Amino acid sequence: MTTHKFPVGQAVSFAPDRGQLHTGGETFTIVGLLPVTGDALQYRIKSQTDGHERVVREEQLAVRA
């Protein structure tokens, strides 16, 4: 069984897919762990700037330094 790499509450950066809207340099917080879809773990993240939430794949996230 695959487990999530990032815990709820962790600050992360988001790298969007080509053509996906995103403001660079923004920090997000993990607010929910979602089940696997296809072959990817998913998360619900929330922008620390404007509160916007989105669902993303684990491969799109990195630890925010």
C-alpha atoms as a PDB file:
ATOM      1  CA  MET A   1       0.000   0.000   0.000  1.00  0.00           C
ATOM      2  CA  THR A   2       1.282   3.449  -0.897  1.00  0.00           C
ATOM      3  CA  THR A   3       1.393   6.168   1.748  1.00  0.00           C
ATOM      4  CA  HIS A   4       1.311   9.948   1.437  1.00  0.00           C
ATOM      5  CA  LYS A   5       4.665  11.740   1.593  1.00  0.00           C
ATOM      6  CA  PHE A   6       3.297  15.022   3.032  1.00  0.00           C
ATOM      7  CA  PRO A   7       1.220  15.325   6.255  1.00  0.00           C
ATOM      8  CA  VAL A   8      -1.766  17.621   6.771  1.00  0.00           C
ATOM      9  CA  GLY A   9      -0.531  21.063   7.854  1.00  0.00           C
ATOM     10  CA  GLN A  10       2.792  20.961   5.970  1.00  0.00           C
ATOM     11  CA  ALA A  11       3.785  23.966   3.840  1.00  0.00           C
ATOM     12  CA  VAL A  12       4.566  23.024   0.239  1.00  0.00           C
ATOM     13  CA  SER A  13       5.258  24.587  -3.120  1.00  0.00           C
ATOM     14  CA  PHE A  14       3.219  23.590  -6.168  1.00  0.00           C
ATOM     15  CA  ALA A  15       4.510  22.957  -9.692  1.00  0.00           C
ATOM     16  CA  PRO A  16       1.529  23.007 -12.080  1.00  0.00           C
ATOM     17  CA  ASP A  17       1.178  20.962 -15.240  1.00  0.00           C
ATOM     18  CA  ARG A  18       1.782  22.771 -18.505  1.00  0.00           C
ATOM     19  CA  GLY A  19      -1.153  25.088 -19.198  1.00  0.00           C
ATOM     20  CA  GLN A  20      -2.434  25.034 -15.602  1.00  0.00           C
ATOM     21  CA  LEU A  21      -2.939  28.456 -13.989  1.00  0.00           C
ATOM     22  CA  HIS A  22      -0.697  29.266 -11.033  1.00  0.00           C
ATOM     23  CA  THR A  23       1.145  32.196  -9.480  1.00  0.00           C
ATOM     24  CA  GLY A  24       4.817  31.295  -8.999  1.00  0.00           C
ATOM     25  CA  GLY A  25       6.464  31.385  -5.588  1.00  0.00           C
ATOM     26  CA  GLU A  26       3.188  30.891  -3.734  1.00  0.00           C
ATOM     27  CA  THR A  27       3.098  28.758  -0.576  1.00  0.00           C
ATOM     28  CA  PHE A  28       0.345  26.207  -0.010  1.00  0.00           C
ATOM     29  CA  THR A  29      -0.690  24.173   3.034  1.00  0.00           C
ATOM     30  CA  ILE A  30      -1.773  20.531   2.867  1.00  0.00           C
ATOM     31  CA  VAL A  31      -5.379  20.463   4.133  1.00  0.00           C
ATOM     32  CA  GLY A  32      -6.421  16.957   3.107  1.00  0.00           C
ATOM     33  CA  LEU A  33      -5.088  13.568   2.026  1.00  0.00           C
ATOM     34  CA  LEU A  34      -7.050  12.028  -0.839  1.00  0.00           C
ATOM     35  CA  PRO A  35      -7.036   8.463  -2.185  1.00  0.00           C
ATOM     36  CA  VAL A  36      -5.052   7.253  -5.166  1.00  0.00           C
ATOM     37  CA  THR A  37      -6.512   8.192  -8.540  1.00  0.00           C
ATOM     38  CA  GLY A  38      -5.028   6.239 -11.387  1.00  0.00           C
ATOM     39  CA  ASP A  39      -1.463   5.741 -10.195  1.00  0.00           C
ATOM     40  CA  ALA A  40      -1.047   9.007  -8.248  1.00  0.00           C
ATOM     41  CA  LEU A  41      -1.647   9.977  -4.625  1.00  0.00           C
ATOM     42  CA  GLN A  42      -3.615  13.208  -4.353  1.00  0.00           C
ATOM     43  CA  TYR A  43      -3.865  16.066  -1.873  1.00  0.00           C
ATOM     44  CA  ARG A  44      -6.130  19.027  -1.223  1.00  0.00           C
ATOM     45  CA  ILE A  45      -3.962  22.132  -0.804  1.00  0.00           C
ATOM     46  CA  LYS A  46      -4.849  25.681   0.207  1.00  0.00           C
ATOM     47  CA  SER A  47      -3.086  28.867  -0.852  1.00  0.00           C
ATOM     48  CA  GLN A  48      -1.647  30.845   2.058  1.00  0.00           C
ATOM     49  CA  THR A  49      -2.065  33.986  -0.076  1.00  0.00           C
ATOM     50  CA  ASP A  50      -5.738  33.968  -1.081  1.00  0.00           C
ATOM     51  CA  GLY A  51      -7.241  30.833   0.513  1.00  0.00           C
ATOM     52  CA  HIS A  52      -7.973  29.180  -2.838  1.00  0.00           C
ATOM     53  CA  GLU A  53      -8.056  25.364  -2.604  1.00  0.00           C
ATOM     54  CA  ARG A  54      -7.195  22.848  -5.301  1.00  0.00           C
ATOM     55  CA  VAL A  55      -6.610  19.116  -5.702  1.00  0.00           C
ATOM     56  CA  VAL A  56      -3.127  18.135  -6.889  1.00  0.00           C
ATOM     57  CA  ARG A  57      -1.010  15.039  -7.434  1.00  0.00           C
ATOM     58  CA  GLU A  58       1.875  14.264  -5.081  1.00  0.00           C
ATOM     59  CA  GLU A  59       4.402  14.611  -7.913  1.00  0.00           C
ATOM     60  CA  GLN A  60       3.392  18.281  -8.266  1.00  0.00           C
ATOM     61  CA  LEU A  61       4.432  19.127  -4.680  1.00  0.00           C
ATOM     62  CA  ALA A  62       7.730  19.862  -2.948  1.00  0.00           C
ATOM     63  CA  VAL A  63       8.649  20.754   0.631  1.00  0.00           C
ATOM     64  CA  ARG A  64       8.658  24.534   1.083  1.00  0.00           C
ATOM     65  CA  ALA A  65      11.936  25.734   2.550  1.00  0.00           C
END
